[in-house]
């Protein structure tokens, strides 16, 4: 049974401007060390970071509440498909499905949360 659906779109340019203005401390509040390592290896880290930010925001919308950003991690399975590793109260008994896409200008993510 579907608990909730969330979708988020992020402007990469706007996200990059906030990154530049707020610096590393801002990034460490939003992302895990593994996410930062993964994204910083990419040619355009802001594109990948904004996609992860969109994924976390879409999860919060699907849950109907916020969690700490760093308690949610975007991970990849053996085929490279993204999924969410989530820690926090009220997560037991829920399954999250995630889809992420991005271009040079925008990142978008959709999360479906199901009761299992």
PDB file of N, CA and C in Angstrom:
ATOM      1  N   UNK A   1       0.843  -1.178   0.000  1.00  0.00           N
ATOM      2  CA  UNK A   1       0.000   0.000   0.000  1.00  0.00           C
ATOM      3  C   UNK A   1       0.893   1.248   0.000  1.00  0.00           C
ATOM      4  N   UNK A   2       0.557   2.210  -0.833  1.00  0.00           N
ATOM      5  CA  UNK A   2       1.356   3.428  -0.943  1.00  0.00           C
ATOM      6  C   UNK A   2       1.104   4.323   0.273  1.00  0.00           C
ATOM      7  N   UNK A   3       2.184   4.715   0.902  1.00  0.00           N
ATOM      8  CA  UNK A   3       2.133   5.642   2.040  1.00  0.00           C
ATOM      9  C   UNK A   3       2.214   7.083   1.547  1.00  0.00           C
ATOM     10  N   UNK A   4       3.072   7.325   0.514  1.00  0.00           N
ATOM     11  CA  UNK A   4       3.227   8.679  -0.008  1.00  0.00           C
ATOM     12  C   UNK A   4       4.123   8.725  -1.223  1.00  0.00           C
ATOM     13  N   UNK A   5       3.972   9.800  -1.980  1.00  0.00           N
ATOM     14  CA  UNK A   5       4.780  10.044  -3.172  1.00  0.00           C
ATOM     15  C   UNK A   5       5.326  11.465  -3.069  1.00  0.00           C
ATOM     16  N   UNK A   6       6.591  11.616  -3.385  1.00  0.00           N
ATOM     17  CA  UNK A   6       7.199  12.949  -3.365  1.00  0.00           C
ATOM     18  C   UNK A   6       8.042  13.171  -4.599  1.00  0.00           C
ATOM     19  N   UNK A   7       8.050  14.388  -5.082  1.00  0.00           N
ATOM     20  CA  UNK A   7       8.866  14.754  -6.233  1.00  0.00           C
ATOM     21  C   UNK A   7       9.513  16.112  -5.953  1.00  0.00           C
ATOM     22  N   UNK A   8      10.749  16.273  -6.413  1.00  0.00           N
ATOM     23  CA  UNK A   8      11.472  17.529  -6.203  1.00  0.00           C
ATOM     24  C   UNK A   8      12.336  17.815  -7.425  1.00  0.00           C
ATOM     25  N   UNK A   9      12.356  19.065  -7.843  1.00  0.00           N
ATOM     26  CA  UNK A   9      13.229  19.522  -8.919  1.00  0.00           C
ATOM     27  C   UNK A   9      14.118  20.632  -8.353  1.00  0.00           C
ATOM     28  N   UNK A  10      15.399  20.598  -8.726  1.00  0.00           N
ATOM     29  CA  UNK A  10      16.377  21.549  -8.202  1.00  0.00           C
ATOM     30  C   UNK A  10      17.142  22.167  -9.368  1.00  0.00           C
ATOM     31  N   UNK A  11      17.276  23.471  -9.354  1.00  0.00           N
ATOM     32  CA  UNK A  11      18.118  24.169 -10.324  1.00  0.00           C
ATOM     33  C   UNK A  11      19.581  23.966  -9.933  1.00  0.00           C
ATOM     34  N   UNK A  12      20.355  23.388 -10.830  1.00  0.00           N
ATOM     35  CA  UNK A  12      21.774  23.148 -10.548  1.00  0.00           C
ATOM     36  C   UNK A  12      22.498  24.474 -10.339  1.00  0.00           C
ATOM     37  N   UNK A  13      22.188  25.466 -11.139  1.00  0.00           N
ATOM     38  CA  UNK A  13      22.839  26.781 -11.013  1.00  0.00           C
ATOM     39  C   UNK A  13      22.574  27.396  -9.637  1.00  0.00           C
ATOM     40  N   UNK A  14      21.330  27.321  -9.202  1.00  0.00           N
ATOM     41  CA  UNK A  14      20.979  27.881  -7.888  1.00  0.00           C
ATOM     42  C   UNK A  14      21.648  27.090  -6.761  1.00  0.00           C
ATOM     43  N   UNK A  15      21.672  25.752  -6.893  1.00  0.00           N
ATOM     44  CA  UNK A  15      22.313  24.924  -5.884  1.00  0.00           C
ATOM     45  C   UNK A  15      23.803  25.233  -5.802  1.00  0.00           C
ATOM     46  N   UNK A  16      24.451  25.396  -6.960  1.00  0.00           N
ATOM     47  CA  UNK A  16      25.872  25.731  -6.996  1.00  0.00           C
ATOM     48  C   UNK A  16      26.138  27.074  -6.333  1.00  0.00           C
ATOM     49  N   UNK A  17      25.261  28.047  -6.555  1.00  0.00           N
ATOM     50  CA  UNK A  17      25.424  29.372  -5.936  1.00  0.00           C
ATOM     51  C   UNK A  17      25.358  29.262  -4.413  1.00  0.00           C
ATOM     52  N   UNK A  18      24.444  28.453  -3.892  1.00  0.00           N
ATOM     53  CA  UNK A  18      24.336  28.261  -2.441  1.00  0.00           C
ATOM     54  C   UNK A  18      25.568  27.525  -1.920  1.00  0.00           C
ATOM     55  N   UNK A  19      26.024  26.520  -2.667  1.00  0.00           N
ATOM     56  CA  UNK A  19      27.248  25.799  -2.277  1.00  0.00           C
ATOM     57  C   UNK A  19      28.423  26.760  -2.160  1.00  0.00           C
ATOM     58  N   UNK A  20      28.586  27.609  -3.150  1.00  0.00           N
ATOM     59  CA  UNK A  20      29.705  28.554  -3.155  1.00  0.00           C
ATOM     60  C   UNK A  20      29.594  29.548  -2.010  1.00  0.00           C
ATOM     61  N   UNK A  21      28.386  29.988  -1.723  1.00  0.00           N
ATOM     62  CA  UNK A  21      28.171  30.988  -0.673  1.00  0.00           C
ATOM     63  C   UNK A  21      28.350  30.391   0.728  1.00  0.00           C
ATOM     64  N   UNK A  22      27.852  29.164   0.932  1.00  0.00           N
ATOM     65  CA  UNK A  22      27.845  28.582   2.283  1.00  0.00           C
ATOM     66  C   UNK A  22      29.003  27.645   2.575  1.00  0.00           C
ATOM     67  N   UNK A  23      29.636  27.126   1.559  1.00  0.00           N
ATOM     68  CA  UNK A  23      30.853  26.347   1.740  1.00  0.00           C
ATOM     69  C   UNK A  23      30.678  24.918   2.219  1.00  0.00           C
ATOM     70  N   UNK A  24      31.803  24.373   2.650  1.00  0.00           N
ATOM     71  CA  UNK A  24      31.910  22.959   3.028  1.00  0.00           C
ATOM     72  C   UNK A  24      31.023  22.595   4.210  1.00  0.00           C
ATOM     73  N   UNK A  25      30.871  23.487   5.166  1.00  0.00           N
ATOM     74  CA  UNK A  25      30.026  23.203   6.333  1.00  0.00           C
ATOM     75  C   UNK A  25      28.588  22.916   5.903  1.00  0.00           C
ATOM     76  N   UNK A  26      28.093  23.660   4.942  1.00  0.00           N
ATOM     77  CA  UNK A  26      26.760  23.457   4.376  1.00  0.00           C
ATOM     78  C   UNK A  26      26.646  22.053   3.782  1.00  0.00           C
ATOM     79  N   UNK A  27      27.642  21.659   2.991  1.00  0.00           N
ATOM     80  CA  UNK A  27      27.612  20.345   2.353  1.00  0.00           C
ATOM     81  C   UNK A  27      27.631  19.220   3.385  1.00  0.00           C
ATOM     82  N   UNK A  28      28.400  19.392   4.436  1.00  0.00           N
ATOM     83  CA  UNK A  28      28.502  18.341   5.463  1.00  0.00           C
ATOM     84  C   UNK A  28      27.210  18.196   6.280  1.00  0.00           C
ATOM     85  N   UNK A  29      26.390  19.241   6.307  1.00  0.00           N
ATOM     86  CA  UNK A  29      25.078  19.136   6.960  1.00  0.00           C
ATOM     87  C   UNK A  29      24.083  18.358   6.114  1.00  0.00           C
ATOM     88  N   UNK A  30      24.262  18.418   4.795  1.00  0.00           N
ATOM     89  CA  UNK A  30      23.300  17.796   3.879  1.00  0.00           C
ATOM     90  C   UNK A  30      23.664  16.390   3.445  1.00  0.00           C
ATOM     91  N   UNK A  31      24.964  16.083   3.378  1.00  0.00           N
ATOM     92  CA  UNK A  31      25.394  14.846   2.746  1.00  0.00           C
ATOM     93  C   UNK A  31      26.319  14.033   3.642  1.00  0.00           C
ATOM     94  N   UNK A  32      26.293  12.705   3.428  1.00  0.00           N
ATOM     95  CA  UNK A  32      27.205  11.824   4.147  1.00  0.00           C
ATOM     96  C   UNK A  32      28.585  11.911   3.500  1.00  0.00           C
ATOM     97  N   UNK A  33      29.578  11.406   4.198  1.00  0.00           N
ATOM     98  CA  UNK A  33      30.943  11.391   3.655  1.00  0.00           C
ATOM     99  C   UNK A  33      31.000  10.602   2.354  1.00  0.00           C
ATOM    100  N   UNK A  34      30.289   9.481   2.304  1.00  0.00           N
ATOM    101  CA  UNK A  34      30.288   8.656   1.085  1.00  0.00           C
ATOM    102  C   UNK A  34      29.671   9.410  -0.093  1.00  0.00           C
ATOM    103  N   UNK A  35      28.600  10.140   0.144  1.00  0.00           N
ATOM    104  CA  UNK A  35      27.976  10.928  -0.924  1.00  0.00           C
ATOM    105  C   UNK A  35      28.920  12.018  -1.417  1.00  0.00           C
ATOM    106  N   UNK A  36      29.582  12.699  -0.501  1.00  0.00           N
ATOM    107  CA  UNK A  36      30.520  13.758  -0.888  1.00  0.00           C
ATOM    108  C   UNK A  36      31.684  13.193  -1.699  1.00  0.00           C
ATOM    109  N   UNK A  37      32.235  12.054  -1.271  1.00  0.00           N
ATOM    110  CA  UNK A  37      33.337  11.423  -2.018  1.00  0.00           C
ATOM    111  C   UNK A  37      32.889  11.063  -3.435  1.00  0.00           C
ATOM    112  N   UNK A  38      31.716  10.429  -3.536  1.00  0.00           N
ATOM    113  CA  UNK A  38      31.190  10.010  -4.838  1.00  0.00           C
ATOM    114  C   UNK A  38      31.010  11.214  -5.767  1.00  0.00           C
ATOM    115  N   UNK A  39      30.365  12.248  -5.282  1.00  0.00           N
ATOM    116  CA  UNK A  39      30.052  13.403  -6.125  1.00  0.00           C
ATOM    117  C   UNK A  39      31.279  14.217  -6.499  1.00  0.00           C
ATOM    118  N   UNK A  40      32.212  14.333  -5.583  1.00  0.00           N
ATOM    119  CA  UNK A  40      33.410  15.137  -5.853  1.00  0.00           C
ATOM    120  C   UNK A  40      34.332  14.485  -6.881  1.00  0.00           C
ATOM    121  N   UNK A  41      34.140  13.189  -7.135  1.00  0.00           N
ATOM    122  CA  UNK A  41      34.915  12.503  -8.178  1.00  0.00           C
ATOM    123  C   UNK A  41      34.369  12.796  -9.574  1.00  0.00           C
ATOM    124  N   UNK A  42      33.164  13.314  -9.644  1.00  0.00           N
ATOM    125  CA  UNK A  42      32.500  13.554 -10.925  1.00  0.00           C
ATOM    126  C   UNK A  42      32.987  14.854 -11.559  1.00  0.00           C
ATOM    127  N   UNK A  43      32.804  14.954 -12.877  1.00  0.00           N
ATOM    128  CA  UNK A  43      33.213  16.142 -13.614  1.00  0.00           C
ATOM    129  C   UNK A  43      32.459  17.386 -13.128  1.00  0.00           C
ATOM    130  N   UNK A  44      31.178  17.233 -12.819  1.00  0.00           N
ATOM    131  CA  UNK A  44      30.338  18.336 -12.335  1.00  0.00           C
ATOM    132  C   UNK A  44      29.706  17.948 -10.998  1.00  0.00           C
ATOM    133  N   UNK A  45      30.446  18.085  -9.905  1.00  0.00           N
ATOM    134  CA  UNK A  45      29.923  17.662  -8.606  1.00  0.00           C
ATOM    135  C   UNK A  45      28.576  18.288  -8.243  1.00  0.00           C
ATOM    136  N   UNK A  46      28.347  19.545  -8.609  1.00  0.00           N
ATOM    137  CA  UNK A  46      27.095  20.213  -8.235  1.00  0.00           C
ATOM    138  C   UNK A  46      25.874  19.522  -8.845  1.00  0.00           C
ATOM    139  N   UNK A  47      26.030  18.970 -10.039  1.00  0.00           N
ATOM    140  CA  UNK A  47      24.920  18.248 -10.673  1.00  0.00           C
ATOM    141  C   UNK A  47      24.539  17.040  -9.829  1.00  0.00           C
ATOM    142  N   UNK A  48      25.525  16.292  -9.396  1.00  0.00           N
ATOM    143  CA  UNK A  48      25.269  15.070  -8.626  1.00  0.00           C
ATOM    144  C   UNK A  48      24.826  15.375  -7.201  1.00  0.00           C
ATOM    145  N   UNK A  49      25.392  16.410  -6.611  1.00  0.00           N
ATOM    146  CA  UNK A  49      24.951  16.815  -5.272  1.00  0.00           C
ATOM    147  C   UNK A  49      23.516  17.334  -5.297  1.00  0.00           C
ATOM    148  N   UNK A  50      23.176  18.121  -6.304  1.00  0.00           N
ATOM    149  CA  UNK A  50      21.804  18.634  -6.384  1.00  0.00           C
ATOM    150  C   UNK A  50      20.814  17.502  -6.612  1.00  0.00           C
ATOM    151  N   UNK A  51      21.225  16.461  -7.325  1.00  0.00           N
ATOM    152  CA  UNK A  51      20.349  15.298  -7.524  1.00  0.00           C
ATOM    153  C   UNK A  51      20.099  14.585  -6.200  1.00  0.00           C
ATOM    154  N   UNK A  52      21.122  14.464  -5.375  1.00  0.00           N
ATOM    155  CA  UNK A  52      20.951  13.834  -4.072  1.00  0.00           C
ATOM    156  C   UNK A  52      20.098  14.701  -3.148  1.00  0.00           C
ATOM    157  N   UNK A  53      20.279  15.991  -3.230  1.00  0.00           N
ATOM    158  CA  UNK A  53      19.435  16.902  -2.456  1.00  0.00           C
ATOM    159  C   UNK A  53      17.974  16.739  -2.879  1.00  0.00           C
ATOM    160  N   UNK A  54      17.721  16.667  -4.182  1.00  0.00           N
ATOM    161  CA  UNK A  54      16.357  16.467  -4.683  1.00  0.00           C
ATOM    162  C   UNK A  54      15.799  15.136  -4.189  1.00  0.00           C
ATOM    163  N   UNK A  55      16.631  14.102  -4.161  1.00  0.00           N
ATOM    164  CA  UNK A  55      16.180  12.790  -3.684  1.00  0.00           C
ATOM    165  C   UNK A  55      15.750  12.847  -2.211  1.00  0.00           C
ATOM    166  N   UNK A  56      16.550  13.521  -1.401  1.00  0.00           N
ATOM    167  CA  UNK A  56      16.215  13.622   0.019  1.00  0.00           C
ATOM    168  C   UNK A  56      14.943  14.432   0.227  1.00  0.00           C
ATOM    169  N   UNK A  57      14.797  15.538  -0.501  1.00  0.00           N
ATOM    170  CA  UNK A  57      13.582  16.355  -0.388  1.00  0.00           C
ATOM    171  C   UNK A  57      12.347  15.578  -0.863  1.00  0.00           C
ATOM    172  N   UNK A  58      12.496  14.788  -1.911  1.00  0.00           N
ATOM    173  CA  UNK A  58      11.357  13.999  -2.394  1.00  0.00           C
ATOM    174  C   UNK A  58      10.958  12.940  -1.367  1.00  0.00           C
ATOM    175  N   UNK A  59      11.937  12.371  -0.656  1.00  0.00           N
ATOM    176  CA  UNK A  59      11.628  11.428   0.415  1.00  0.00           C
ATOM    177  C   UNK A  59      10.843  12.110   1.523  1.00  0.00           C
ATOM    178  N   UNK A  60      11.287  13.292   1.931  1.00  0.00           N
ATOM    179  CA  UNK A  60      10.596  14.010   3.008  1.00  0.00           C
ATOM    180  C   UNK A  60       9.152  14.297   2.619  1.00  0.00           C
ATOM    181  N   UNK A  61       8.929  14.655   1.372  1.00  0.00           N
ATOM    182  CA  UNK A  61       7.562  14.907   0.901  1.00  0.00           C
ATOM    183  C   UNK A  61       6.735  13.627   0.926  1.00  0.00           C
ATOM    184  N   UNK A  62       7.337  12.517   0.504  1.00  0.00           N
ATOM    185  CA  UNK A  62       6.617  11.239   0.494  1.00  0.00           C
ATOM    186  C   UNK A  62       6.283  10.773   1.915  1.00  0.00           C
ATOM    187  N   UNK A  63       7.178  11.045   2.853  1.00  0.00           N
ATOM    188  CA  UNK A  63       6.937  10.661   4.251  1.00  0.00           C
ATOM    189  C   UNK A  63       5.955  11.602   4.937  1.00  0.00           C
ATOM    190  N   UNK A  64       5.867  12.821   4.439  1.00  0.00           N
ATOM    191  CA  UNK A  64       5.036  13.826   5.078  1.00  0.00           C
ATOM    192  C   UNK A  64       5.717  14.483   6.258  1.00  0.00           C
ATOM    193  N   UNK A  65       7.036  14.321   6.340  1.00  0.00           N
ATOM    194  CA  UNK A  65       7.828  14.928   7.417  1.00  0.00           C
ATOM    195  C   UNK A  65       9.294  14.918   7.030  1.00  0.00           C
ATOM    196  N   UNK A  66      10.053  15.722   7.730  1.00  0.00           N
ATOM    197  CA  UNK A  66      11.476  15.827   7.457  1.00  0.00           C
ATOM    198  C   UNK A  66      12.278  14.935   8.390  1.00  0.00           C
ATOM    199  N   UNK A  67      13.418  14.510   7.936  1.00  0.00           N
ATOM    200  CA  UNK A  67      14.417  13.821   8.755  1.00  0.00           C
ATOM    201  C   UNK A  67      15.687  14.647   8.636  1.00  0.00           C
ATOM    202  N   UNK A  68      16.693  14.312   9.391  1.00  0.00           N
ATOM    203  CA  UNK A  68      17.983  14.970   9.197  1.00  0.00           C
ATOM    204  C   UNK A  68      18.542  14.581   7.833  1.00  0.00           C
ATOM    205  N   UNK A  69      19.039  15.548   7.093  1.00  0.00           N
ATOM    206  CA  UNK A  69      19.549  15.259   5.749  1.00  0.00           C
ATOM    207  C   UNK A  69      20.632  14.185   5.769  1.00  0.00           C
ATOM    208  N   UNK A  70      21.522  14.246   6.742  1.00  0.00           N
ATOM    209  CA  UNK A  70      22.620  13.286   6.790  1.00  0.00           C
ATOM    210  C   UNK A  70      22.167  11.901   7.255  1.00  0.00           C
ATOM    211  N   UNK A  71      20.914  11.767   7.710  1.00  0.00           N
ATOM    212  CA  UNK A  71      20.406  10.438   8.085  1.00  0.00           C
ATOM    213  C   UNK A  71      19.821   9.704   6.882  1.00  0.00           C
ATOM    214  N   UNK A  72      19.851  10.359   5.726  1.00  0.00           N
ATOM    215  CA  UNK A  72      19.394   9.763   4.474  1.00  0.00           C
ATOM    216  C   UNK A  72      20.578   9.751   3.522  1.00  0.00           C
ATOM    217  N   UNK A  73      20.854   8.590   2.937  1.00  0.00           N
ATOM    218  CA  UNK A  73      21.974   8.486   2.007  1.00  0.00           C
ATOM    219  C   UNK A  73      21.496   7.870   0.697  1.00  0.00           C
ATOM    220  N   UNK A  74      21.872   8.483  -0.408  1.00  0.00           N
ATOM    221  CA  UNK A  74      21.610   7.908  -1.722  1.00  0.00           C
ATOM    222  C   UNK A  74      22.733   6.919  -2.005  1.00  0.00           C
ATOM    223  N   UNK A  75      22.358   5.673  -2.225  1.00  0.00           N
ATOM    224  CA  UNK A  75      23.315   4.607  -2.515  1.00  0.00           C
ATOM    225  C   UNK A  75      22.944   3.993  -3.865  1.00  0.00           C
ATOM    226  N   UNK A  76      23.820   3.153  -4.390  1.00  0.00           N
ATOM    227  CA  UNK A  76      23.568   2.488  -5.673  1.00  0.00           C
ATOM    228  C   UNK A  76      23.664   0.983  -5.484  1.00  0.00           C
ATOM    229  N   UNK A  77      22.772   0.245  -6.175  1.00  0.00           N
ATOM    230  CA  UNK A  77      22.858  -1.204  -6.118  1.00  0.00           C
ATOM    231  C   UNK A  77      23.920  -1.688  -7.108  1.00  0.00           C
ATOM    232  N   UNK A  78      24.052  -2.975  -7.253  1.00  0.00           N
ATOM    233  CA  UNK A  78      25.074  -3.549  -8.128  1.00  0.00           C
ATOM    234  C   UNK A  78      24.935  -3.161  -9.583  1.00  0.00           C
ATOM    235  N   UNK A  79      23.735  -2.783 -10.002  1.00  0.00           N
ATOM    236  CA  UNK A  79      23.499  -2.353 -11.381  1.00  0.00           C
ATOM    237  C   UNK A  79      23.607  -0.845 -11.553  1.00  0.00           C
ATOM    238  N   UNK A  80      23.885  -0.127 -10.474  1.00  0.00           N
ATOM    239  CA  UNK A  80      24.002   1.326 -10.534  1.00  0.00           C
ATOM    240  C   UNK A  80      22.715   2.077 -10.273  1.00  0.00           C
ATOM    241  N   UNK A  81      21.619   1.345 -10.007  1.00  0.00           N
ATOM    242  CA  UNK A  81      20.339   2.002  -9.732  1.00  0.00           C
ATOM    243  C   UNK A  81      20.376   2.661  -8.351  1.00  0.00           C
ATOM    244  N   UNK A  82      19.859   3.890  -8.238  1.00  0.00           N
ATOM    245  CA  UNK A  82      19.884   4.578  -6.947  1.00  0.00           C
ATOM    246  C   UNK A  82      18.806   4.042  -6.005  1.00  0.00           C
ATOM    247  N   UNK A  83      19.111   4.084  -4.731  1.00  0.00           N
ATOM    248  CA  UNK A  83      18.127   3.784  -3.693  1.00  0.00           C
ATOM    249  C   UNK A  83      18.485   4.608  -2.462  1.00  0.00           C
ATOM    250  N   UNK A  84      17.630   4.539  -1.466  1.00  0.00           N
ATOM    251  CA  UNK A  84      17.822   5.333  -0.257  1.00  0.00           C
ATOM    252  C   UNK A  84      18.122   4.442   0.939  1.00  0.00           C
ATOM    253  N   UNK A  85      19.153   4.802   1.667  1.00  0.00           N
ATOM    254  CA  UNK A  85      19.447   4.185   2.960  1.00  0.00           C
ATOM    255  C   UNK A  85      19.009   5.217   3.995  1.00  0.00           C
ATOM    256  N   UNK A  86      18.022   4.846   4.809  1.00  0.00           N
ATOM    257  CA  UNK A  86      17.395   5.810   5.715  1.00  0.00           C
ATOM    258  C   UNK A  86      17.494   5.323   7.149  1.00  0.00           C
ATOM    259  N   UNK A  87      17.882   6.225   8.051  1.00  0.00           N
ATOM    260  CA  UNK A  87      17.887   5.964   9.489  1.00  0.00           C
ATOM    261  C   UNK A  87      16.954   6.954  10.151  1.00  0.00           C
ATOM    262  N   UNK A  88      16.226   6.497  11.135  1.00  0.00           N
ATOM    263  CA  UNK A  88      15.374   7.426  11.860  1.00  0.00           C
ATOM    264  C   UNK A  88      14.117   6.764  12.365  1.00  0.00           C
ATOM    265  N   UNK A  89      13.430   7.447  13.253  1.00  0.00           N
ATOM    266  CA  UNK A  89      12.201   6.898  13.815  1.00  0.00           C
ATOM    267  C   UNK A  89      11.085   6.840  12.773  1.00  0.00           C
ATOM    268  N   UNK A  90      10.268   5.787  12.878  1.00  0.00           N
ATOM    269  CA  UNK A  90       9.112   5.670  12.006  1.00  0.00           C
ATOM    270  C   UNK A  90       9.414   5.161  10.620  1.00  0.00           C
ATOM    271  N   UNK A  91      10.608   4.631  10.401  1.00  0.00           N
ATOM    272  CA  UNK A  91      11.005   4.149   9.077  1.00  0.00           C
ATOM    273  C   UNK A  91      10.742   2.649   8.939  1.00  0.00           C
ATOM    274  N   UNK A  92      10.716   1.934  10.060  1.00  0.00           N
ATOM    275  CA  UNK A  92      10.475   0.491  10.007  1.00  0.00           C
ATOM    276  C   UNK A  92       9.131   0.217   9.347  1.00  0.00           C
ATOM    277  N   UNK A  93       9.093  -0.810   8.515  1.00  0.00           N
ATOM    278  CA  UNK A  93       7.862  -1.178   7.844  1.00  0.00           C
ATOM    279  C   UNK A  93       7.565  -0.368   6.598  1.00  0.00           C
ATOM    280  N   UNK A  94       8.527   0.439   6.167  1.00  0.00           N
ATOM    281  CA  UNK A  94       8.352   1.234   4.955  1.00  0.00           C
ATOM    282  C   UNK A  94       9.430   0.868   3.935  1.00  0.00           C
ATOM    283  N   UNK A  95       9.054   0.846   2.671  1.00  0.00           N
ATOM    284  CA  UNK A  95       9.999   0.602   1.580  1.00  0.00           C
ATOM    285  C   UNK A  95       9.985   1.834   0.680  1.00  0.00           C
ATOM    286  N   UNK A  96      11.170   2.290   0.309  1.00  0.00           N
ATOM    287  CA  UNK A  96      11.298   3.495  -0.520  1.00  0.00           C
ATOM    288  C   UNK A  96      11.831   3.124  -1.892  1.00  0.00           C
ATOM    289  N   UNK A  97      11.174   3.619  -2.926  1.00  0.00           N
ATOM    290  CA  UNK A  97      11.645   3.465  -4.297  1.00  0.00           C
ATOM    291  C   UNK A  97      12.016   4.850  -4.807  1.00  0.00           C
ATOM    292  N   UNK A  98      13.169   4.942  -5.462  1.00  0.00           N
ATOM    293  CA  UNK A  98      13.708   6.236  -5.873  1.00  0.00           C
ATOM    294  C   UNK A  98      14.055   6.246  -7.352  1.00  0.00           C
ATOM    295  N   UNK A  99      13.746   7.351  -8.010  1.00  0.00           N
ATOM    296  CA  UNK A  99      14.191   7.603  -9.376  1.00  0.00           C
ATOM    297  C   UNK A  99      14.807   8.997  -9.412  1.00  0.00           C
ATOM    298  N   UNK A 100      15.997   9.091 -10.013  1.00  0.00           N
ATOM    299  CA  UNK A 100      16.716  10.362 -10.121  1.00  0.00           C
ATOM    300  C   UNK A 100      17.089  10.590 -11.585  1.00  0.00           C
ATOM    301  N   UNK A 101      17.029  11.838 -12.004  1.00  0.00           N
ATOM    302  CA  UNK A 101      17.513  12.219 -13.323  1.00  0.00           C
ATOM    303  C   UNK A 101      18.092  13.625 -13.222  1.00  0.00           C
ATOM    304  N   UNK A 102      19.034  13.925 -14.117  1.00  0.00           N
ATOM    305  CA  UNK A 102      19.602  15.273 -14.120  1.00  0.00           C
ATOM    306  C   UNK A 102      20.126  15.625 -15.490  1.00  0.00           C
ATOM    307  N   UNK A 103      20.195  16.923 -15.710  1.00  0.00           N
ATOM    308  CA  UNK A 103      20.834  17.495 -16.890  1.00  0.00           C
ATOM    309  C   UNK A 103      21.838  18.503 -16.361  1.00  0.00           C
ATOM    310  N   UNK A 104      22.431  19.279 -17.225  1.00  0.00           N
ATOM    311  CA  UNK A 104      23.352  20.316 -16.764  1.00  0.00           C
ATOM    312  C   UNK A 104      22.621  21.410 -15.993  1.00  0.00           C
ATOM    313  N   UNK A 105      21.320  21.564 -16.229  1.00  0.00           N
ATOM    314  CA  UNK A 105      20.558  22.651 -15.627  1.00  0.00           C
ATOM    315  C   UNK A 105      19.679  22.259 -14.439  1.00  0.00           C
ATOM    316  N   UNK A 106      19.128  21.045 -14.462  1.00  0.00           N
ATOM    317  CA  UNK A 106      18.172  20.639 -13.425  1.00  0.00           C
ATOM    318  C   UNK A 106      18.411  19.216 -12.974  1.00  0.00           C
ATOM    319  N   UNK A 107      18.088  18.972 -11.706  1.00  0.00           N
ATOM    320  CA  UNK A 107      18.052  17.629 -11.142  1.00  0.00           C
ATOM    321  C   UNK A 107      16.640  17.394 -10.646  1.00  0.00           C
ATOM    322  N   UNK A 108      16.163  16.166 -10.813  1.00  0.00           N
ATOM    323  CA  UNK A 108      14.820  15.823 -10.375  1.00  0.00           C
ATOM    324  C   UNK A 108      14.849  14.440  -9.740  1.00  0.00           C
ATOM    325  N   UNK A 109      14.015  14.272  -8.728  1.00  0.00           N
ATOM    326  CA  UNK A 109      13.912  12.971  -8.064  1.00  0.00           C
ATOM    327  C   UNK A 109      12.467  12.724  -7.661  1.00  0.00           C
ATOM    328  N   UNK A 110      12.081  11.461  -7.718  1.00  0.00           N
ATOM    329  CA  UNK A 110      10.769  11.040  -7.253  1.00  0.00           C
ATOM    330  C   UNK A 110      10.939   9.860  -6.326  1.00  0.00           C
ATOM    331  N   UNK A 111      10.236   9.881  -5.213  1.00  0.00           N
ATOM    332  CA  UNK A 111      10.279   8.804  -4.242  1.00  0.00           C
ATOM    333  C   UNK A 111       8.869   8.312  -3.991  1.00  0.00           C
ATOM    334  N   UNK A 112       8.719   7.000  -3.972  1.00  0.00           N
ATOM    335  CA  UNK A 112       7.463   6.371  -3.578  1.00  0.00           C
ATOM    336  C   UNK A 112       7.744   5.587  -2.309  1.00  0.00           C
ATOM    337  N   UNK A 113       6.974   5.853  -1.280  1.00  0.00           N
ATOM    338  CA  UNK A 113       7.118   5.157  -0.011  1.00  0.00           C
ATOM    339  C   UNK A 113       5.906   4.231   0.142  1.00  0.00           C
ATOM    340  N   UNK A 114       6.200   2.952   0.394  1.00  0.00           N
ATOM    341  CA  UNK A 114       5.147   1.954   0.554  1.00  0.00           C
ATOM    342  C   UNK A 114       5.208   1.346   1.947  1.00  0.00           C
ATOM    343  N   UNK A 115       4.046   1.024   2.487  1.00  0.00           N
ATOM    344  CA  UNK A 115       3.972   0.243   3.720  1.00  0.00           C
ATOM    345  C   UNK A 115       4.127  -1.215   3.358  1.00  0.00           C
ATOM    346  N   UNK A 116       4.999  -1.925   4.068  1.00  0.00           N
ATOM    347  CA  UNK A 116       5.196  -3.355   3.782  1.00  0.00           C
ATOM    348  C   UNK A 116       4.710  -4.205   4.933  1.00  0.00           C
TER     349      UNK A 116
END
